[in-house]
Amino acid sequence: MIKNTGLILMIILLFMCHNTYAQKEYQIVSEKSELTIDGTSTLHDWQMIANDFVCAASIDFDALKNKQVKDVHFQCDAEKILSDKNAMDKKAHKALKVDEFPKVEFAFQSVKSFEQKEDQFAGEIMGFLTLAGEKKEIMLPFVGKILSESQFDISGTVPLKMSDFGISPPIFMFGAVKTGDDVNLKFQFTFKTIE
């Protein structure tokens, strides 16, 4: 009887530990999320919006409700990155080589920093961004807010150079208008647990 009681207690403790350090899978809430690419040109600033993307994250919770990022994977249909100008879209899609490389992807590698205070958190993760067929390691800074045990918001800005990915900045009007090499990738995402 004593042996059986000890075994039962051990099972209960293992169950409690598993739930105390439970890893949760999250997916993006598309209708509450936005990804834009902001840039400049010799004529005016411009913006393109990603209209078809998915993102999933795996996060550990400890007993104090602190989060530990375990995995993040993002994928976007390059042809669905659009502006409000058809000519801009054609030039951008050609520069992104969408026929040859239809997807833009980010794959998590490691956590560089992470801190949390109550329902606010911030940090930086490292990962590989694949754009126009070129794969480069980038640092992705973020800030966020925990909305509930099953939902959180996160946002950030990632400065990039098109030339780092072998992309020649598009030109217009026979070279009279040139886009700048520097762009900002801005994201505002809402995540919820996968049921």
C-alpha atoms as a PDB file:
ATOM      1  CA  MET A   1       0.000   0.000   0.000  1.00  0.00           C
ATOM      2  CA  ILE A   2       2.839   2.388   0.895  1.00  0.00           C
ATOM      3  CA  LYS A   3       4.588   1.573  -2.389  1.00  0.00           C
ATOM      4  CA  ASN A   4       1.388   2.195  -4.342  1.00  0.00           C
ATOM      5  CA  THR A   5       0.832   5.513  -2.523  1.00  0.00           C
ATOM      6  CA  GLY A   6       4.381   6.588  -3.381  1.00  0.00           C
ATOM      7  CA  LEU A   7       3.861   5.668  -7.028  1.00  0.00           C
ATOM      8  CA  ILE A   8       0.608   7.636  -7.178  1.00  0.00           C
ATOM      9  CA  LEU A   9       2.292  10.675  -5.621  1.00  0.00           C
ATOM     10  CA  MET A  10       5.115  10.458  -8.163  1.00  0.00           C
ATOM     11  CA  ILE A  11       2.639  10.353 -11.062  1.00  0.00           C
ATOM     12  CA  ILE A  12       0.769  13.350  -9.649  1.00  0.00           C
ATOM     13  CA  LEU A  13       4.029  15.324  -9.285  1.00  0.00           C
ATOM     14  CA  LEU A  14       5.085  14.501 -12.831  1.00  0.00           C
ATOM     15  CA  PHE A  15       1.682  15.612 -14.110  1.00  0.00           C
ATOM     16  CA  MET A  16       1.945  18.884 -12.169  1.00  0.00           C
ATOM     17  CA  CYS A  17       5.440  19.576 -13.500  1.00  0.00           C
ATOM     18  CA  HIS A  18       4.304  18.907 -17.046  1.00  0.00           C
ATOM     19  CA  ASN A  19       1.494  21.432 -16.709  1.00  0.00           C
ATOM     20  CA  THR A  20       3.622  23.962 -14.820  1.00  0.00           C
ATOM     21  CA  TYR A  21       6.094  24.061 -17.695  1.00  0.00           C
ATOM     22  CA  ALA A  22       3.609  23.573 -20.501  1.00  0.00           C
ATOM     23  CA  GLN A  23       4.622  24.428 -24.024  1.00  0.00           C
ATOM     24  CA  LYS A  24       1.861  26.119 -25.975  1.00  0.00           C
ATOM     25  CA  GLU A  25       1.443  26.467 -29.709  1.00  0.00           C
ATOM     26  CA  TYR A  26       0.150  29.776 -31.055  1.00  0.00           C
ATOM     27  CA  GLN A  27      -1.084  30.854 -34.467  1.00  0.00           C
ATOM     28  CA  ILE A  28      -1.604  34.300 -35.914  1.00  0.00           C
ATOM     29  CA  VAL A  29      -5.053  35.922 -35.977  1.00  0.00           C
ATOM     30  CA  SER A  30      -5.075  37.167 -39.578  1.00  0.00           C
ATOM     31  CA  GLU A  31      -7.843  39.745 -39.247  1.00  0.00           C
ATOM     32  CA  LYS A  32      -6.013  41.422 -36.339  1.00  0.00           C
ATOM     33  CA  SER A  33      -2.517  41.295 -37.834  1.00  0.00           C
ATOM     34  CA  GLU A  34      -0.598  43.435 -40.307  1.00  0.00           C
ATOM     35  CA  LEU A  35       2.767  43.326 -42.038  1.00  0.00           C
ATOM     36  CA  THR A  36       4.061  46.254 -44.097  1.00  0.00           C
ATOM     37  CA  ILE A  37       7.238  47.154 -45.966  1.00  0.00           C
ATOM     38  CA  ASP A  38       8.028  50.866 -45.852  1.00  0.00           C
ATOM     39  CA  GLY A  39      10.584  52.513 -48.085  1.00  0.00           C
ATOM     40  CA  THR A  40      11.653  55.729 -49.767  1.00  0.00           C
ATOM     41  CA  SER A  41      12.291  56.988 -53.272  1.00  0.00           C
ATOM     42  CA  THR A  42      13.579  60.136 -54.896  1.00  0.00           C
ATOM     43  CA  LEU A  43       9.929  61.136 -55.454  1.00  0.00           C
ATOM     44  CA  HIS A  44       8.053  60.046 -52.301  1.00  0.00           C
ATOM     45  CA  ASP A  45       7.862  57.429 -49.569  1.00  0.00           C
ATOM     46  CA  TRP A  46       6.049  54.193 -50.346  1.00  0.00           C
ATOM     47  CA  GLN A  47       4.439  51.275 -48.557  1.00  0.00           C
ATOM     48  CA  MET A  48       3.535  47.718 -49.505  1.00  0.00           C
ATOM     49  CA  ILE A  49       1.241  45.443 -47.488  1.00  0.00           C
ATOM     50  CA  ALA A  50       1.480  41.646 -47.163  1.00  0.00           C
ATOM     51  CA  ASN A  51      -1.983  40.256 -47.847  1.00  0.00           C
ATOM     52  CA  ASP A  52      -1.416  36.524 -47.409  1.00  0.00           C
ATOM     53  CA  PHE A  53       0.796  35.252 -44.593  1.00  0.00           C
ATOM     54  CA  VAL A  54       0.863  32.702 -41.793  1.00  0.00           C
ATOM     55  CA  CYS A  55       2.895  32.616 -38.606  1.00  0.00           C
ATOM     56  CA  ALA A  56       3.117  30.107 -35.765  1.00  0.00           C
ATOM     57  CA  ALA A  57       4.978  30.296 -32.445  1.00  0.00           C
ATOM     58  CA  SER A  58       5.835  27.806 -29.728  1.00  0.00           C
ATOM     59  CA  ILE A  59       6.228  29.265 -26.224  1.00  0.00           C
ATOM     60  CA  ASP A  60       6.950  27.771 -22.792  1.00  0.00           C
ATOM     61  CA  PHE A  61       5.222  29.014 -19.670  1.00  0.00           C
ATOM     62  CA  ASP A  62       6.773  28.602 -16.243  1.00  0.00           C
ATOM     63  CA  ALA A  63       5.072  28.791 -12.870  1.00  0.00           C
ATOM     64  CA  LEU A  64       5.483  32.577 -12.757  1.00  0.00           C
ATOM     65  CA  LYS A  65       3.855  32.959 -16.186  1.00  0.00           C
ATOM     66  CA  ASN A  66       7.099  34.125 -17.759  1.00  0.00           C
ATOM     67  CA  LYS A  67       7.368  33.158 -21.399  1.00  0.00           C
ATOM     68  CA  GLN A  68      10.269  31.474 -23.156  1.00  0.00           C
ATOM     69  CA  VAL A  69      10.270  31.570 -26.952  1.00  0.00           C
ATOM     70  CA  LYS A  70      10.981  28.131 -28.390  1.00  0.00           C
ATOM     71  CA  ASP A  71      10.122  28.501 -32.057  1.00  0.00           C
ATOM     72  CA  VAL A  72       8.709  30.988 -34.572  1.00  0.00           C
ATOM     73  CA  HIS A  73       8.003  30.358 -38.235  1.00  0.00           C
ATOM     74  CA  PHE A  74       6.629  32.908 -40.690  1.00  0.00           C
ATOM     75  CA  GLN A  75       5.690  32.451 -44.343  1.00  0.00           C
ATOM     76  CA  CYS A  76       4.292  34.953 -46.828  1.00  0.00           C
ATOM     77  CA  ASP A  77       3.189  34.720 -50.456  1.00  0.00           C
ATOM     78  CA  ALA A  78       5.558  37.180 -52.175  1.00  0.00           C
ATOM     79  CA  GLU A  79       3.090  37.876 -54.984  1.00  0.00           C
ATOM     80  CA  LYS A  80       0.523  39.032 -52.420  1.00  0.00           C
ATOM     81  CA  ILE A  81       2.778  41.848 -51.179  1.00  0.00           C
ATOM     82  CA  LEU A  82       0.951  44.759 -52.758  1.00  0.00           C
ATOM     83  CA  SER A  83       0.848  48.570 -52.860  1.00  0.00           C
ATOM     84  CA  ASP A  84      -1.884  50.858 -54.149  1.00  0.00           C
ATOM     85  CA  LYS A  85      -0.097  51.199 -57.494  1.00  0.00           C
ATOM     86  CA  ASN A  86      -0.029  48.439 -60.112  1.00  0.00           C
ATOM     87  CA  ALA A  87       3.254  49.664 -61.655  1.00  0.00           C
ATOM     88  CA  MET A  88       4.937  49.532 -58.243  1.00  0.00           C
ATOM     89  CA  ASP A  89       3.690  45.980 -57.684  1.00  0.00           C
ATOM     90  CA  LYS A  90       5.063  44.763 -61.025  1.00  0.00           C
ATOM     91  CA  LYS A  91       8.493  46.284 -60.378  1.00  0.00           C
ATOM     92  CA  ALA A  92       8.608  44.970 -56.807  1.00  0.00           C
ATOM     93  CA  HIS A  93       7.553  41.437 -57.801  1.00  0.00           C
ATOM     94  CA  LYS A  94      10.181  41.380 -60.523  1.00  0.00           C
ATOM     95  CA  ALA A  95      12.831  42.501 -58.005  1.00  0.00           C
ATOM     96  CA  LEU A  96      11.644  39.822 -55.525  1.00  0.00           C
ATOM     97  CA  LYS A  97      11.790  37.166 -58.301  1.00  0.00           C
ATOM     98  CA  VAL A  98       8.346  35.908 -57.287  1.00  0.00           C
ATOM     99  CA  ASP A  99       8.117  33.435 -60.179  1.00  0.00           C
ATOM    100  CA  GLU A 100      11.294  31.692 -59.053  1.00  0.00           C
ATOM    101  CA  PHE A 101      10.943  32.255 -55.287  1.00  0.00           C
ATOM    102  CA  PRO A 102       7.226  32.537 -54.425  1.00  0.00           C
ATOM    103  CA  LYS A 103       7.633  32.569 -50.634  1.00  0.00           C
ATOM    104  CA  VAL A 104       9.163  34.922 -48.084  1.00  0.00           C
ATOM    105  CA  GLU A 105      10.104  33.027 -44.923  1.00  0.00           C
ATOM    106  CA  PHE A 106      11.485  33.626 -41.441  1.00  0.00           C
ATOM    107  CA  ALA A 107      12.780  30.742 -39.319  1.00  0.00           C
ATOM    108  CA  PHE A 108      13.652  31.188 -35.633  1.00  0.00           C
ATOM    109  CA  GLN A 109      17.141  30.321 -34.387  1.00  0.00           C
ATOM    110  CA  SER A 110      17.633  31.671 -30.869  1.00  0.00           C
ATOM    111  CA  VAL A 111      16.581  34.194 -28.239  1.00  0.00           C
ATOM    112  CA  LYS A 112      19.031  37.088 -27.861  1.00  0.00           C
ATOM    113  CA  SER A 113      17.153  38.844 -25.048  1.00  0.00           C
ATOM    114  CA  PHE A 114      13.804  38.650 -23.294  1.00  0.00           C
ATOM    115  CA  GLU A 115      12.287  40.458 -20.324  1.00  0.00           C
ATOM    116  CA  GLN A 116       8.810  40.685 -18.914  1.00  0.00           C
ATOM    117  CA  LYS A 117       7.089  42.947 -16.403  1.00  0.00           C
ATOM    118  CA  GLU A 118       3.535  41.969 -15.546  1.00  0.00           C
ATOM    119  CA  ASP A 119       1.627  41.821 -18.840  1.00  0.00           C
ATOM    120  CA  GLN A 120       4.283  43.673 -20.909  1.00  0.00           C
ATOM    121  CA  PHE A 121       7.273  42.008 -22.541  1.00  0.00           C
ATOM    122  CA  ALA A 122      10.089  42.862 -24.948  1.00  0.00           C
ATOM    123  CA  GLY A 123      13.101  41.218 -26.479  1.00  0.00           C
ATOM    124  CA  GLU A 124      15.066  40.214 -29.546  1.00  0.00           C
ATOM    125  CA  ILE A 125      15.250  36.941 -31.424  1.00  0.00           C
ATOM    126  CA  MET A 126      17.664  35.776 -34.092  1.00  0.00           C
ATOM    127  CA  GLY A 127      16.542  33.945 -37.182  1.00  0.00           C
ATOM    128  CA  PHE A 128      16.976  33.442 -40.902  1.00  0.00           C
ATOM    129  CA  LEU A 129      14.990  35.540 -43.361  1.00  0.00           C
ATOM    130  CA  THR A 130      14.691  34.150 -46.885  1.00  0.00           C
ATOM    131  CA  LEU A 131      13.861  36.838 -49.439  1.00  0.00           C
ATOM    132  CA  ALA A 132      14.174  36.562 -53.227  1.00  0.00           C
ATOM    133  CA  GLY A 133      15.984  33.271 -52.725  1.00  0.00           C
ATOM    134  CA  GLU A 134      18.655  34.754 -50.444  1.00  0.00           C
ATOM    135  CA  LYS A 135      18.869  33.527 -46.835  1.00  0.00           C
ATOM    136  CA  LYS A 136      20.326  35.919 -44.258  1.00  0.00           C
ATOM    137  CA  GLU A 137      20.472  35.930 -40.457  1.00  0.00           C
ATOM    138  CA  ILE A 138      18.657  38.915 -38.952  1.00  0.00           C
ATOM    139  CA  MET A 139      17.814  40.222 -35.502  1.00  0.00           C
ATOM    140  CA  LEU A 140      14.123  40.754 -34.874  1.00  0.00           C
ATOM    141  CA  PRO A 141      13.273  43.144 -31.997  1.00  0.00           C
ATOM    142  CA  PHE A 142       9.780  43.075 -30.524  1.00  0.00           C
ATOM    143  CA  VAL A 143       7.499  44.423 -27.803  1.00  0.00           C
ATOM    144  CA  GLY A 144       4.261  42.843 -26.731  1.00  0.00           C
ATOM    145  CA  LYS A 145       1.363  42.605 -24.342  1.00  0.00           C
ATOM    146  CA  ILE A 146      -0.290  39.548 -22.837  1.00  0.00           C
ATOM    147  CA  LEU A 147      -4.037  39.813 -23.382  1.00  0.00           C
ATOM    148  CA  SER A 148      -4.933  36.522 -21.709  1.00  0.00           C
ATOM    149  CA  GLU A 149      -3.510  33.045 -21.076  1.00  0.00           C
ATOM    150  CA  SER A 150      -4.438  32.211 -24.671  1.00  0.00           C
ATOM    151  CA  GLN A 151      -3.727  35.452 -26.550  1.00  0.00           C
ATOM    152  CA  PHE A 152      -1.052  38.135 -26.914  1.00  0.00           C
ATOM    153  CA  ASP A 153      -0.133  41.079 -29.163  1.00  0.00           C
ATOM    154  CA  ILE A 154       3.355  41.648 -30.527  1.00  0.00           C
ATOM    155  CA  SER A 155       4.896  44.313 -32.764  1.00  0.00           C
ATOM    156  CA  GLY A 156       8.244  45.488 -34.052  1.00  0.00           C
ATOM    157  CA  THR A 157      10.284  47.064 -36.834  1.00  0.00           C
ATOM    158  CA  VAL A 158      13.144  45.353 -38.673  1.00  0.00           C
ATOM    159  CA  PRO A 159      15.435  47.583 -40.780  1.00  0.00           C
ATOM    160  CA  LEU A 160      16.729  45.839 -43.900  1.00  0.00           C
ATOM    161  CA  LYS A 161      18.778  46.628 -46.978  1.00  0.00           C
ATOM    162  CA  MET A 162      17.462  45.234 -50.252  1.00  0.00           C
ATOM    163  CA  SER A 163      21.011  44.823 -51.538  1.00  0.00           C
ATOM    164  CA  ASP A 164      21.793  42.380 -48.676  1.00  0.00           C
ATOM    165  CA  PHE A 165      19.361  39.988 -50.369  1.00  0.00           C
ATOM    166  CA  GLY A 166      20.668  40.562 -53.876  1.00  0.00           C
ATOM    167  CA  ILE A 167      17.717  42.808 -54.733  1.00  0.00           C
ATOM    168  CA  SER A 168      18.319  45.814 -56.967  1.00  0.00           C
ATOM    169  CA  PRO A 169      16.082  48.682 -55.764  1.00  0.00           C
ATOM    170  CA  PRO A 170      13.420  49.244 -58.455  1.00  0.00           C
ATOM    171  CA  ILE A 171      13.622  52.317 -60.714  1.00  0.00           C
ATOM    172  CA  PHE A 172      10.792  54.093 -62.531  1.00  0.00           C
ATOM    173  CA  MET A 173      10.320  56.565 -65.379  1.00  0.00           C
ATOM    174  CA  PHE A 174      13.510  55.460 -67.164  1.00  0.00           C
ATOM    175  CA  GLY A 175      15.639  56.032 -64.098  1.00  0.00           C
ATOM    176  CA  ALA A 176      14.177  59.374 -63.091  1.00  0.00           C
ATOM    177  CA  VAL A 177      12.682  57.859 -59.915  1.00  0.00           C
ATOM    178  CA  LYS A 178      14.794  55.523 -57.807  1.00  0.00           C
ATOM    179  CA  THR A 179      13.794  53.658 -54.675  1.00  0.00           C
ATOM    180  CA  GLY A 180      16.131  53.659 -51.688  1.00  0.00           C
ATOM    181  CA  ASP A 181      18.058  50.573 -50.606  1.00  0.00           C
ATOM    182  CA  ASP A 182      16.834  50.814 -46.991  1.00  0.00           C
ATOM    183  CA  VAL A 183      13.409  49.473 -46.044  1.00  0.00           C
ATOM    184  CA  ASN A 184      11.590  48.860 -42.772  1.00  0.00           C
ATOM    185  CA  LEU A 185       9.672  45.656 -42.218  1.00  0.00           C
ATOM    186  CA  LYS A 186       6.922  46.497 -39.700  1.00  0.00           C
ATOM    187  CA  PHE A 187       4.662  43.967 -38.046  1.00  0.00           C
ATOM    188  CA  GLN A 188       1.716  44.092 -35.646  1.00  0.00           C
ATOM    189  CA  PHE A 189       0.507  40.585 -34.875  1.00  0.00           C
ATOM    190  CA  THR A 190      -2.077  39.047 -32.586  1.00  0.00           C
ATOM    191  CA  PHE A 191      -1.540  35.408 -31.620  1.00  0.00           C
ATOM    192  CA  LYS A 192      -3.922  32.903 -30.045  1.00  0.00           C
ATOM    193  CA  THR A 193      -3.439  29.348 -28.853  1.00  0.00           C
ATOM    194  CA  ILE A 194      -4.061  26.571 -31.339  1.00  0.00           C
ATOM    195  CA  GLU A 195      -7.129  24.650 -30.158  1.00  0.00           C
END
